[in-house]
């Protein structure tokens, strides 16, 4: 369970960094959830 929570928080952080660093008009958490979705699709989970 701790691994899953860590994965969610890391994806949220990646989204925040991408949103702020690239000056995207999309909120960071939305980007983070897209990153998480792509990760899960690639991983097969």
PDB file of N, CA and C in Angstrom:
ATOM      1  N   UNK A   1       0.820  -1.189   0.000  1.00  0.00           N
ATOM      2  CA  UNK A   1       0.000   0.000   0.000  1.00  0.00           C
ATOM      3  C   UNK A   1       0.865   1.255   0.000  1.00  0.00           C
ATOM      4  N   UNK A   2       1.966   1.188   0.714  1.00  0.00           N
ATOM      5  CA  UNK A   2       2.872   2.334   0.741  1.00  0.00           C
ATOM      6  C   UNK A   2       3.471   2.581  -0.639  1.00  0.00           C
ATOM      7  N   UNK A   3       3.734   1.505  -1.370  1.00  0.00           N
ATOM      8  CA  UNK A   3       4.267   1.656  -2.728  1.00  0.00           C
ATOM      9  C   UNK A   3       3.266   2.361  -3.640  1.00  0.00           C
ATOM     10  N   UNK A   4       2.004   2.027  -3.518  1.00  0.00           N
ATOM     11  CA  UNK A   4       0.971   2.644  -4.347  1.00  0.00           C
ATOM     12  C   UNK A   4       0.832   4.128  -4.027  1.00  0.00           C
ATOM     13  N   UNK A   5       0.850   4.464  -2.755  1.00  0.00           N
ATOM     14  CA  UNK A   5       0.755   5.867  -2.359  1.00  0.00           C
ATOM     15  C   UNK A   5       1.964   6.647  -2.854  1.00  0.00           C
ATOM     16  N   UNK A   6       3.128   6.048  -2.753  1.00  0.00           N
ATOM     17  CA  UNK A   6       4.343   6.699  -3.236  1.00  0.00           C
ATOM     18  C   UNK A   6       4.272   6.926  -4.738  1.00  0.00           C
ATOM     19  N   UNK A   7       3.769   5.946  -5.475  1.00  0.00           N
ATOM     20  CA  UNK A   7       3.635   6.082  -6.921  1.00  0.00           C
ATOM     21  C   UNK A   7       2.697   7.230  -7.278  1.00  0.00           C
ATOM     22  N   UNK A   8       1.583   7.336  -6.588  1.00  0.00           N
ATOM     23  CA  UNK A   8       0.632   8.421  -6.846  1.00  0.00           C
ATOM     24  C   UNK A   8       1.274   9.773  -6.571  1.00  0.00           C
ATOM     25  N   UNK A   9       1.977   9.888  -5.453  1.00  0.00           N
ATOM     26  CA  UNK A   9       2.604  11.162  -5.103  1.00  0.00           C
ATOM     27  C   UNK A   9       3.728  11.529  -6.065  1.00  0.00           C
ATOM     28  N   UNK A  10       4.479  10.547  -6.522  1.00  0.00           N
ATOM     29  CA  UNK A  10       5.546  10.816  -7.492  1.00  0.00           C
ATOM     30  C   UNK A  10       4.954  11.296  -8.813  1.00  0.00           C
ATOM     31  N   UNK A  11       3.859  10.691  -9.237  1.00  0.00           N
ATOM     32  CA  UNK A  11       3.204  11.129 -10.470  1.00  0.00           C
ATOM     33  C   UNK A  11       2.642  12.534 -10.322  1.00  0.00           C
ATOM     34  N   UNK A  12       2.082  12.840  -9.172  1.00  0.00           N
ATOM     35  CA  UNK A  12       1.583  14.190  -8.918  1.00  0.00           C
ATOM     36  C   UNK A  12       2.726  15.204  -8.964  1.00  0.00           C
ATOM     37  N   UNK A  13       3.851  14.847  -8.364  1.00  0.00           N
ATOM     38  CA  UNK A  13       5.017  15.728  -8.382  1.00  0.00           C
ATOM     39  C   UNK A  13       5.522  15.932  -9.806  1.00  0.00           C
ATOM     40  N   UNK A  14       5.574  14.865 -10.581  1.00  0.00           N
ATOM     41  CA  UNK A  14       6.008  14.980 -11.977  1.00  0.00           C
ATOM     42  C   UNK A  14       5.074  15.903 -12.758  1.00  0.00           C
ATOM     43  N   UNK A  15       3.788  15.800 -12.498  1.00  0.00           N
ATOM     44  CA  UNK A  15       2.824  16.677 -13.159  1.00  0.00           C
ATOM     45  C   UNK A  15       3.004  18.124 -12.764  1.00  0.00           C
ATOM     46  N   UNK A  16       3.243  18.373 -11.485  1.00  0.00           N
ATOM     47  CA  UNK A  16       3.473  19.746 -11.023  1.00  0.00           C
ATOM     48  C   UNK A  16       4.736  20.329 -11.647  1.00  0.00           C
ATOM     49  N   UNK A  17       5.795  19.527 -11.699  1.00  0.00           N
ATOM     50  CA  UNK A  17       7.048  20.002 -12.288  1.00  0.00           C
ATOM     51  C   UNK A  17       6.883  20.276 -13.781  1.00  0.00           C
ATOM     52  N   UNK A  18       6.175  19.395 -14.475  1.00  0.00           N
ATOM     53  CA  UNK A  18       5.952  19.589 -15.910  1.00  0.00           C
ATOM     54  C   UNK A  18       5.086  20.819 -16.164  1.00  0.00           C
ATOM     55  N   UNK A  19       4.056  20.988 -15.373  1.00  0.00           N
ATOM     56  CA  UNK A  19       3.156  22.122 -15.545  1.00  0.00           C
ATOM     57  C   UNK A  19       3.869  23.441 -15.277  1.00  0.00           C
ATOM     58  N   UNK A  20       4.639  23.481 -14.215  1.00  0.00           N
ATOM     59  CA  UNK A  20       5.355  24.713 -13.880  1.00  0.00           C
ATOM     60  C   UNK A  20       6.543  24.970 -14.784  1.00  0.00           C
ATOM     61  N   UNK A  21       7.289  23.932 -15.090  1.00  0.00           N
ATOM     62  CA  UNK A  21       8.491  24.097 -15.897  1.00  0.00           C
ATOM     63  C   UNK A  21       8.216  24.407 -17.353  1.00  0.00           C
ATOM     64  N   UNK A  22       7.147  23.848 -17.886  1.00  0.00           N
ATOM     65  CA  UNK A  22       6.816  24.054 -19.294  1.00  0.00           C
ATOM     66  C   UNK A  22       5.759  25.134 -19.497  1.00  0.00           C
ATOM     67  N   UNK A  23       5.316  25.755 -18.406  1.00  0.00           N
ATOM     68  CA  UNK A  23       4.293  26.807 -18.464  1.00  0.00           C
ATOM     69  C   UNK A  23       3.039  26.339 -19.205  1.00  0.00           C
ATOM     70  N   UNK A  24       2.576  25.149 -18.851  1.00  0.00           N
ATOM     71  CA  UNK A  24       1.386  24.592 -19.481  1.00  0.00           C
ATOM     72  C   UNK A  24       0.130  25.134 -18.803  1.00  0.00           C
ATOM     73  N   UNK A  25      -0.940  25.314 -19.559  1.00  0.00           N
ATOM     74  CA  UNK A  25      -2.181  25.819 -18.965  1.00  0.00           C
ATOM     75  C   UNK A  25      -2.992  24.737 -18.244  1.00  0.00           C
ATOM     76  N   UNK A  26      -2.473  23.529 -18.208  1.00  0.00           N
ATOM     77  CA  UNK A  26      -3.162  22.404 -17.574  1.00  0.00           C
ATOM     78  C   UNK A  26      -2.646  22.266 -16.144  1.00  0.00           C
ATOM     79  N   UNK A  27      -3.532  22.040 -15.170  1.00  0.00           N
ATOM     80  CA  UNK A  27      -3.080  21.878 -13.784  1.00  0.00           C
ATOM     81  C   UNK A  27      -2.154  20.669 -13.617  1.00  0.00           C
ATOM     82  N   UNK A  28      -1.210  20.799 -12.708  1.00  0.00           N
ATOM     83  CA  UNK A  28      -0.242  19.744 -12.447  1.00  0.00           C
ATOM     84  C   UNK A  28      -0.851  18.406 -12.083  1.00  0.00           C
ATOM     85  N   UNK A  29      -1.861  18.371 -11.195  1.00  0.00           N
ATOM     86  CA  UNK A  29      -2.461  17.078 -10.842  1.00  0.00           C
ATOM     87  C   UNK A  29      -3.097  16.347 -12.029  1.00  0.00           C
ATOM     88  N   UNK A  30      -3.614  17.096 -12.982  1.00  0.00           N
ATOM     89  CA  UNK A  30      -4.194  16.463 -14.173  1.00  0.00           C
ATOM     90  C   UNK A  30      -3.092  15.793 -14.989  1.00  0.00           C
ATOM     91  N   UNK A  31      -1.986  16.487 -15.157  1.00  0.00           N
ATOM     92  CA  UNK A  31      -0.851  15.906 -15.871  1.00  0.00           C
ATOM     93  C   UNK A  31      -0.332  14.691 -15.112  1.00  0.00           C
ATOM     94  N   UNK A  32      -0.285  14.784 -13.799  1.00  0.00           N
ATOM     95  CA  UNK A  32       0.173  13.671 -12.980  1.00  0.00           C
ATOM     96  C   UNK A  32      -0.693  12.439 -13.139  1.00  0.00           C
ATOM     97  N   UNK A  33      -1.995  12.629 -13.213  1.00  0.00           N
ATOM     98  CA  UNK A  33      -2.883  11.485 -13.389  1.00  0.00           C
ATOM     99  C   UNK A  33      -2.743  10.881 -14.786  1.00  0.00           C
ATOM    100  N   UNK A  34      -2.452  11.710 -15.779  1.00  0.00           N
ATOM    101  CA  UNK A  34      -2.195  11.193 -17.128  1.00  0.00           C
ATOM    102  C   UNK A  34      -0.907  10.374 -17.125  1.00  0.00           C
ATOM    103  N   UNK A  35       0.108  10.876 -16.430  1.00  0.00           N
ATOM    104  CA  UNK A  35       1.368  10.134 -16.308  1.00  0.00           C
ATOM    105  C   UNK A  35       1.117   8.792 -15.620  1.00  0.00           C
ATOM    106  N   UNK A  36       0.342   8.801 -14.550  1.00  0.00           N
ATOM    107  CA  UNK A  36       0.018   7.561 -13.840  1.00  0.00           C
ATOM    108  C   UNK A  36      -0.750   6.601 -14.743  1.00  0.00           C
ATOM    109  N   UNK A  37      -1.700   7.111 -15.492  1.00  0.00           N
ATOM    110  CA  UNK A  37      -2.485   6.281 -16.402  1.00  0.00           C
ATOM    111  C   UNK A  37      -1.594   5.621 -17.453  1.00  0.00           C
ATOM    112  N   UNK A  38      -0.701   6.411 -18.044  1.00  0.00           N
ATOM    113  CA  UNK A  38       0.211   5.867 -19.052  1.00  0.00           C
ATOM    114  C   UNK A  38       1.122   4.816 -18.432  1.00  0.00           C
ATOM    115  N   UNK A  39       1.626   5.096 -17.244  1.00  0.00           N
ATOM    116  CA  UNK A  39       2.484   4.128 -16.560  1.00  0.00           C
ATOM    117  C   UNK A  39       1.747   2.809 -16.327  1.00  0.00           C
ATOM    118  N   UNK A  40       0.514   2.892 -15.873  1.00  0.00           N
ATOM    119  CA  UNK A  40      -0.252   1.676 -15.608  1.00  0.00           C
ATOM    120  C   UNK A  40      -0.590   0.919 -16.892  1.00  0.00           C
ATOM    121  N   UNK A  41      -0.838   1.646 -17.979  1.00  0.00           N
ATOM    122  CA  UNK A  41      -1.118   0.980 -19.252  1.00  0.00           C
ATOM    123  C   UNK A  41       0.122   0.256 -19.771  1.00  0.00           C
ATOM    124  N   UNK A  42       1.280   0.878 -19.637  1.00  0.00           N
ATOM    125  CA  UNK A  42       2.522   0.260 -20.106  1.00  0.00           C
ATOM    126  C   UNK A  42       2.882  -0.934 -19.233  1.00  0.00           C
ATOM    127  N   UNK A  43       2.701  -0.775 -17.927  1.00  0.00           N
ATOM    128  CA  UNK A  43       3.042  -1.830 -16.974  1.00  0.00           C
ATOM    129  C   UNK A  43       2.061  -2.996 -17.057  1.00  0.00           C
ATOM    130  N   UNK A  44       0.840  -2.710 -17.457  1.00  0.00           N
ATOM    131  CA  UNK A  44      -0.168  -3.762 -17.542  1.00  0.00           C
ATOM    132  C   UNK A  44      -0.919  -3.951 -16.247  1.00  0.00           C
ATOM    133  N   UNK A  45      -1.032  -2.897 -15.452  1.00  0.00           N
ATOM    134  CA  UNK A  45      -1.688  -3.035 -14.159  1.00  0.00           C
ATOM    135  C   UNK A  45      -2.957  -2.290 -14.136  1.00  0.00           C
TER     136      UNK A  45
END
